[in-house]
Amino acid sequence: MTPTVFGMRTDKYKYIKYQGIWDRNELYDLEKDPDEKYNLIAEPALQDIAKSMSSAIYDWLEQTDGMRIPLKRTVKYRFGDFKHDGEH
């Protein structure tokens, strides 16, 4: 099965979100790691960035009618990705 993959980047970070498989999402610091060798998705100090970028992907998909594939916002803690408010 081929996963649906979404990504976005800023000048500093690149975020990749996998939908439909059990893989770990990815976050890279493009300034310090331009070859994207070190996935920082589990770094505690970067959880707000991962959460913000994930939310921005869904916001963009909703604004551009991209949620028709069908796609639901992921609301559970998965494999080192950020924890949502209220999860332990």
C-alpha atoms as a PDB file:
ATOM      1  CA  MET A   1       0.000   0.000   0.000  1.00  0.00           C
ATOM      2  CA  THR A   2       1.340   3.434  -0.929  1.00  0.00           C
ATOM      3  CA  PRO A   3       0.897   6.078   1.756  1.00  0.00           C
ATOM      4  CA  THR A   4      -0.367   9.572   1.140  1.00  0.00           C
ATOM      5  CA  VAL A   5       2.468  11.959   1.958  1.00  0.00           C
ATOM      6  CA  PHE A   6       2.164  15.662   2.696  1.00  0.00           C
ATOM      7  CA  GLY A   7       4.999  18.062   3.304  1.00  0.00           C
ATOM      8  CA  MET A   8       5.824  21.675   3.865  1.00  0.00           C
ATOM      9  CA  ARG A   9       8.899  23.721   4.503  1.00  0.00           C
ATOM     10  CA  THR A  10      10.027  27.060   5.772  1.00  0.00           C
ATOM     11  CA  ASP A  11      13.455  28.567   5.319  1.00  0.00           C
ATOM     12  CA  LYS A  12      14.566  26.620   8.406  1.00  0.00           C
ATOM     13  CA  TYR A  13      12.425  23.467   8.728  1.00  0.00           C
ATOM     14  CA  LYS A  14      10.947  20.749   6.539  1.00  0.00           C
ATOM     15  CA  TYR A  15       8.028  18.667   7.837  1.00  0.00           C
ATOM     16  CA  ILE A  16       6.743  15.461   6.203  1.00  0.00           C
ATOM     17  CA  LYS A  17       3.487  13.854   7.327  1.00  0.00           C
ATOM     18  CA  TYR A  18       2.504  10.315   6.345  1.00  0.00           C
ATOM     19  CA  GLN A  19      -1.164   9.419   6.168  1.00  0.00           C
ATOM     20  CA  GLY A  20      -2.282   5.803   5.999  1.00  0.00           C
ATOM     21  CA  ILE A  21       0.751   3.917   7.259  1.00  0.00           C
ATOM     22  CA  TRP A  22       2.469   3.420  10.578  1.00  0.00           C
ATOM     23  CA  ASP A  23       5.635   5.282   9.685  1.00  0.00           C
ATOM     24  CA  ARG A  24       7.095   8.090  11.709  1.00  0.00           C
ATOM     25  CA  ASN A  25       6.566  11.631  10.466  1.00  0.00           C
ATOM     26  CA  GLU A  26       9.691  13.647   9.755  1.00  0.00           C
ATOM     27  CA  LEU A  27      11.079  17.041  10.760  1.00  0.00           C
ATOM     28  CA  TYR A  28      14.410  18.375   9.558  1.00  0.00           C
ATOM     29  CA  ASP A  29      16.412  21.493  10.396  1.00  0.00           C
ATOM     30  CA  LEU A  30      17.454  22.526   6.897  1.00  0.00           C
ATOM     31  CA  GLU A  31      20.037  25.033   8.129  1.00  0.00           C
ATOM     32  CA  LYS A  32      21.939  22.541  10.302  1.00  0.00           C
ATOM     33  CA  ASP A  33      21.118  19.412   8.267  1.00  0.00           C
ATOM     34  CA  PRO A  34      20.618  20.313   4.580  1.00  0.00           C
ATOM     35  CA  ASP A  35      20.971  16.651   3.556  1.00  0.00           C
ATOM     36  CA  GLU A  36      18.073  15.670   5.849  1.00  0.00           C
ATOM     37  CA  LYS A  37      19.962  12.923   7.667  1.00  0.00           C
ATOM     38  CA  TYR A  38      18.587  13.532  11.180  1.00  0.00           C
ATOM     39  CA  ASN A  39      14.861  13.257  11.797  1.00  0.00           C
ATOM     40  CA  LEU A  40      14.077  15.596  14.713  1.00  0.00           C
ATOM     41  CA  ILE A  41      10.385  14.727  15.088  1.00  0.00           C
ATOM     42  CA  ALA A  42      10.855  13.349  18.617  1.00  0.00           C
ATOM     43  CA  GLU A  43      12.919  16.283  19.943  1.00  0.00           C
ATOM     44  CA  PRO A  44      11.048  17.819  22.894  1.00  0.00           C
ATOM     45  CA  ALA A  45      12.244  21.337  22.053  1.00  0.00           C
ATOM     46  CA  LEU A  46      10.742  21.108  18.545  1.00  0.00           C
ATOM     47  CA  GLN A  47       7.271  19.802  19.420  1.00  0.00           C
ATOM     48  CA  ASP A  48       5.595  23.192  18.951  1.00  0.00           C
ATOM     49  CA  ILE A  49       7.138  23.511  15.491  1.00  0.00           C
ATOM     50  CA  ALA A  50       5.997  20.015  14.467  1.00  0.00           C
ATOM     51  CA  LYS A  51       2.481  20.693  15.766  1.00  0.00           C
ATOM     52  CA  SER A  52       2.292  24.063  14.016  1.00  0.00           C
ATOM     53  CA  MET A  53       3.501  22.673  10.686  1.00  0.00           C
ATOM     54  CA  SER A  54       1.117  19.710  10.867  1.00  0.00           C
ATOM     55  CA  SER A  55      -1.783  22.051  11.559  1.00  0.00           C
ATOM     56  CA  ALA A  56      -0.714  24.332   8.694  1.00  0.00           C
ATOM     57  CA  ILE A  57      -0.808  21.390   6.267  1.00  0.00           C
ATOM     58  CA  TYR A  58      -4.385  20.548   7.261  1.00  0.00           C
ATOM     59  CA  ASP A  59      -5.397  24.222   7.134  1.00  0.00           C
ATOM     60  CA  TRP A  60      -4.032  24.516   3.587  1.00  0.00           C
ATOM     61  CA  LEU A  61      -5.717  21.280   2.500  1.00  0.00           C
ATOM     62  CA  GLU A  62      -9.052  22.478   3.885  1.00  0.00           C
ATOM     63  CA  GLN A  63      -8.728  25.875   2.170  1.00  0.00           C
ATOM     64  CA  THR A  64      -7.871  24.287  -1.201  1.00  0.00           C
ATOM     65  CA  ASP A  65     -10.475  21.490  -1.037  1.00  0.00           C
ATOM     66  CA  GLY A  66      -7.697  18.954  -0.564  1.00  0.00           C
ATOM     67  CA  MET A  67      -9.497  17.009   2.148  1.00  0.00           C
ATOM     68  CA  ARG A  68     -11.638  15.289  -0.492  1.00  0.00           C
ATOM     69  CA  ILE A  69      -9.226  12.348  -0.864  1.00  0.00           C
ATOM     70  CA  PRO A  70     -10.758  11.502   1.890  1.00  0.00           C
ATOM     71  CA  LEU A  71      -8.622  12.624   4.791  1.00  0.00           C
ATOM     72  CA  LYS A  72      -9.231  13.190   8.475  1.00  0.00           C
ATOM     73  CA  ARG A  73      -7.094  15.216  10.835  1.00  0.00           C
ATOM     74  CA  THR A  74      -4.921  12.849  12.859  1.00  0.00           C
ATOM     75  CA  VAL A  75      -5.691  13.433  16.520  1.00  0.00           C
ATOM     76  CA  LYS A  76      -3.713  10.658  18.181  1.00  0.00           C
ATOM     77  CA  TYR A  77      -0.129  10.485  19.373  1.00  0.00           C
ATOM     78  CA  ARG A  78       1.906   8.411  16.904  1.00  0.00           C
ATOM     79  CA  PHE A  79       5.503   7.221  16.908  1.00  0.00           C
ATOM     80  CA  GLY A  80       7.460  10.136  18.314  1.00  0.00           C
ATOM     81  CA  ASP A  81       5.338  12.834  16.739  1.00  0.00           C
ATOM     82  CA  PHE A  82       4.095  15.691  18.890  1.00  0.00           C
ATOM     83  CA  LYS A  83       1.557  15.067  21.616  1.00  0.00           C
ATOM     84  CA  HIS A  84      -1.745  16.920  21.398  1.00  0.00           C
ATOM     85  CA  ASP A  85      -3.047  18.846  24.388  1.00  0.00           C
ATOM     86  CA  GLY A  86      -4.396  16.542  27.066  1.00  0.00           C
ATOM     87  CA  GLU A  87      -2.468  13.409  25.987  1.00  0.00           C
ATOM     88  CA  HIS A  88       0.056  11.774  28.277  1.00  0.00           C
END
